[in-house]
Amino acid sequence: MSSANVKYSEAIGRLEEILENIDRSNVGIDELADLVKEASDLIKTCRALLTSTEQSVKESLEALDLPSPAYS
């Protein structure tokens, strides 16, 4: 799965598939490195999407002159 233009829910779904396959030992050693790399890329994509969404929400709230929620 390419991380370009992927939706958050799709990325999370694919991450769950990868983890399930690894947990069930359905992955050969030759395939493991590729799946770990893919998972790493998907995690980076999810983080970027979350950051972008957070910024968008903050901007929308600022436009309404409402206090932004406190994120921790």
N, C-alpha and C. Protein backbone atom coordinates (compact mmCIF):
# COMPACT_ATOMS: atom_id res chain seq x y z
N MET A 1 0.85 -1.19 0.00
CA MET A 1 0.00 0.00 0.00
C MET A 1 0.89 1.23 0.00
N SER A 2 0.70 2.09 -0.95
CA SER A 2 1.44 3.34 -1.02
C SER A 2 0.84 4.32 -0.02
N SER A 3 1.71 5.06 0.68
CA SER A 3 1.21 5.99 1.69
C SER A 3 0.76 7.32 1.10
N ALA A 4 0.97 7.52 -0.19
CA ALA A 4 0.51 8.74 -0.85
C ALA A 4 -1.00 8.69 -1.02
N ASN A 5 -1.68 9.73 -0.57
CA ASN A 5 -3.13 9.86 -0.70
C ASN A 5 -3.92 8.75 0.00
N VAL A 6 -3.33 8.13 1.00
CA VAL A 6 -4.04 7.09 1.74
C VAL A 6 -4.85 7.77 2.84
N LYS A 7 -6.02 7.22 3.11
CA LYS A 7 -6.86 7.73 4.19
C LYS A 7 -6.41 7.11 5.50
N TYR A 8 -6.67 7.84 6.58
CA TYR A 8 -6.26 7.38 7.91
C TYR A 8 -6.85 6.00 8.21
N SER A 9 -8.12 5.82 7.97
CA SER A 9 -8.77 4.54 8.28
C SER A 9 -8.16 3.39 7.46
N GLU A 10 -7.77 3.66 6.22
CA GLU A 10 -7.13 2.64 5.40
C GLU A 10 -5.76 2.27 5.96
N ALA A 11 -5.01 3.29 6.38
CA ALA A 11 -3.67 3.06 6.93
C ALA A 11 -3.76 2.25 8.21
N ILE A 12 -4.71 2.60 9.08
CA ILE A 12 -4.88 1.86 10.33
C ILE A 12 -5.30 0.43 10.05
N GLY A 13 -6.19 0.25 9.09
CA GLY A 13 -6.62 -1.09 8.71
C GLY A 13 -5.47 -1.95 8.24
N ARG A 14 -4.62 -1.37 7.41
CA ARG A 14 -3.46 -2.11 6.90
C ARG A 14 -2.48 -2.43 8.03
N LEU A 15 -2.28 -1.47 8.95
CA LEU A 15 -1.41 -1.73 10.09
C LEU A 15 -1.94 -2.89 10.93
N GLU A 16 -3.24 -2.93 11.12
CA GLU A 16 -3.85 -4.04 11.87
C GLU A 16 -3.63 -5.37 11.17
N GLU A 17 -3.73 -5.37 9.84
CA GLU A 17 -3.48 -6.61 9.08
C GLU A 17 -2.04 -7.07 9.26
N ILE A 18 -1.11 -6.13 9.17
CA ILE A 18 0.31 -6.47 9.32
C ILE A 18 0.57 -7.05 10.70
N LEU A 19 0.06 -6.38 11.73
CA LEU A 19 0.27 -6.86 13.09
C LEU A 19 -0.36 -8.23 13.33
N GLU A 20 -1.53 -8.42 12.78
CA GLU A 20 -2.20 -9.71 12.94
C GLU A 20 -1.38 -10.82 12.29
N ASN A 21 -0.87 -10.57 11.09
CA ASN A 21 -0.05 -11.58 10.40
C ASN A 21 1.23 -11.88 11.17
N ILE A 22 1.84 -10.84 11.72
CA ILE A 22 3.07 -11.06 12.49
C ILE A 22 2.75 -11.81 13.77
N ASP A 23 1.68 -11.41 14.46
CA ASP A 23 1.29 -12.09 15.71
C ASP A 23 0.97 -13.56 15.50
N ARG A 24 0.36 -13.87 14.39
CA ARG A 24 -0.02 -15.26 14.11
C ARG A 24 1.11 -16.05 13.45
N SER A 25 2.24 -15.41 13.31
CA SER A 25 3.41 -16.04 12.68
C SER A 25 3.11 -16.46 11.25
N ASN A 26 2.27 -15.71 10.56
CA ASN A 26 1.95 -15.99 9.17
C ASN A 26 2.97 -15.37 8.21
N VAL A 27 4.03 -14.81 8.76
CA VAL A 27 4.99 -14.09 7.95
C VAL A 27 6.33 -14.80 8.00
N GLY A 28 6.85 -15.07 6.82
CA GLY A 28 8.18 -15.65 6.75
C GLY A 28 9.23 -14.60 7.04
N ILE A 29 10.39 -15.05 7.41
CA ILE A 29 11.48 -14.14 7.77
C ILE A 29 11.86 -13.23 6.61
N ASP A 30 11.73 -13.74 5.38
CA ASP A 30 12.07 -12.93 4.22
C ASP A 30 11.10 -11.77 4.02
N GLU A 31 9.86 -11.97 4.42
CA GLU A 31 8.82 -10.97 4.25
C GLU A 31 8.76 -9.98 5.41
N LEU A 32 9.31 -10.37 6.56
CA LEU A 32 9.20 -9.58 7.77
C LEU A 32 9.78 -8.18 7.62
N ALA A 33 10.95 -8.05 7.06
CA ALA A 33 11.59 -6.74 6.91
C ALA A 33 10.74 -5.81 6.05
N ASP A 34 10.17 -6.34 4.99
CA ASP A 34 9.32 -5.52 4.12
C ASP A 34 8.07 -5.04 4.85
N LEU A 35 7.47 -5.92 5.66
CA LEU A 35 6.27 -5.54 6.41
C LEU A 35 6.58 -4.52 7.49
N VAL A 36 7.72 -4.67 8.15
CA VAL A 36 8.11 -3.69 9.17
C VAL A 36 8.34 -2.33 8.52
N LYS A 37 8.96 -2.29 7.36
CA LYS A 37 9.17 -1.03 6.64
C LYS A 37 7.83 -0.42 6.25
N GLU A 38 6.92 -1.24 5.73
CA GLU A 38 5.60 -0.74 5.35
C GLU A 38 4.87 -0.18 6.56
N ALA A 39 4.93 -0.90 7.68
CA ALA A 39 4.27 -0.44 8.90
C ALA A 39 4.86 0.88 9.37
N SER A 40 6.16 1.02 9.29
CA SER A 40 6.82 2.26 9.68
C SER A 40 6.35 3.43 8.81
N ASP A 41 6.25 3.20 7.52
CA ASP A 41 5.77 4.23 6.60
C ASP A 41 4.31 4.60 6.90
N LEU A 42 3.51 3.61 7.21
CA LEU A 42 2.10 3.87 7.52
C LEU A 42 1.96 4.66 8.82
N ILE A 43 2.78 4.35 9.80
CA ILE A 43 2.75 5.09 11.06
C ILE A 43 3.12 6.55 10.82
N LYS A 44 4.13 6.79 10.01
CA LYS A 44 4.52 8.17 9.67
C LYS A 44 3.37 8.89 8.97
N THR A 45 2.70 8.19 8.08
CA THR A 45 1.56 8.77 7.37
C THR A 45 0.44 9.11 8.35
N CYS A 46 0.14 8.21 9.27
CA CYS A 46 -0.92 8.46 10.26
C CYS A 46 -0.58 9.66 11.12
N ARG A 47 0.66 9.75 11.55
CA ARG A 47 1.08 10.90 12.36
C ARG A 47 0.91 12.21 11.59
N ALA A 48 1.30 12.20 10.33
CA ALA A 48 1.16 13.40 9.51
C ALA A 48 -0.31 13.78 9.32
N LEU A 49 -1.15 12.78 9.09
CA LEU A 49 -2.58 13.05 8.93
C LEU A 49 -3.19 13.60 10.22
N LEU A 50 -2.80 13.05 11.36
CA LEU A 50 -3.31 13.53 12.63
C LEU A 50 -2.85 14.97 12.90
N THR A 51 -1.61 15.26 12.61
CA THR A 51 -1.08 16.61 12.80
C THR A 51 -1.81 17.60 11.91
N SER A 52 -2.03 17.21 10.67
CA SER A 52 -2.74 18.07 9.72
C SER A 52 -4.18 18.32 10.18
N THR A 53 -4.83 17.27 10.64
CA THR A 53 -6.21 17.40 11.11
C THR A 53 -6.28 18.29 12.34
N GLU A 54 -5.34 18.11 13.26
CA GLU A 54 -5.31 18.94 14.46
C GLU A 54 -5.15 20.41 14.09
N GLN A 55 -4.26 20.69 13.17
CA GLN A 55 -4.04 22.07 12.73
C GLN A 55 -5.30 22.65 12.07
N SER A 56 -5.95 21.85 11.28
CA SER A 56 -7.17 22.29 10.61
C SER A 56 -8.27 22.61 11.63
N VAL A 57 -8.40 21.76 12.64
CA VAL A 57 -9.40 21.99 13.69
C VAL A 57 -9.08 23.28 14.44
N LYS A 58 -7.82 23.47 14.79
CA LYS A 58 -7.41 24.70 15.50
C LYS A 58 -7.74 25.94 14.68
N GLU A 59 -7.42 25.87 13.38
CA GLU A 59 -7.71 27.01 12.51
C GLU A 59 -9.20 27.29 12.41
N SER A 60 -9.99 26.24 12.34
CA SER A 60 -11.44 26.39 12.27
C SER A 60 -11.97 27.02 13.55
N LEU A 61 -11.47 26.57 14.69
CA LEU A 61 -11.91 27.13 15.96
C LEU A 61 -11.48 28.59 16.11
N GLU A 62 -10.27 28.88 15.66
CA GLU A 62 -9.80 30.26 15.72
C GLU A 62 -10.66 31.18 14.85
N ALA A 63 -11.10 30.66 13.73
CA ALA A 63 -11.95 31.45 12.83
C ALA A 63 -13.30 31.75 13.48
N LEU A 64 -13.71 30.89 14.39
CA LEU A 64 -14.97 31.09 15.11
C LEU A 64 -14.77 31.87 16.41
N ASP A 65 -13.53 32.21 16.71
CA ASP A 65 -13.17 32.89 17.96
C ASP A 65 -13.53 32.07 19.19
N LEU A 66 -13.43 30.74 19.06
CA LEU A 66 -13.66 29.84 20.19
C LEU A 66 -12.31 29.37 20.71
N PRO A 67 -12.24 29.09 21.99
CA PRO A 67 -10.97 28.56 22.50
C PRO A 67 -10.71 27.17 21.93
N SER A 68 -9.46 26.90 21.58
CA SER A 68 -9.14 25.58 21.05
C SER A 68 -9.02 24.60 22.22
N PRO A 69 -9.35 23.34 21.95
CA PRO A 69 -9.27 22.34 23.01
C PRO A 69 -7.80 22.12 23.41
N ALA A 70 -7.60 21.78 24.64
CA ALA A 70 -6.24 21.51 25.13
C ALA A 70 -5.88 20.08 24.79
N TYR A 71 -4.84 19.91 23.99
CA TYR A 71 -4.35 18.59 23.65
C TYR A 71 -3.13 18.32 24.49
N SER A 72 -3.04 17.12 24.95
CA SER A 72 -1.84 16.79 25.73
C SER A 72 -1.12 15.63 25.14
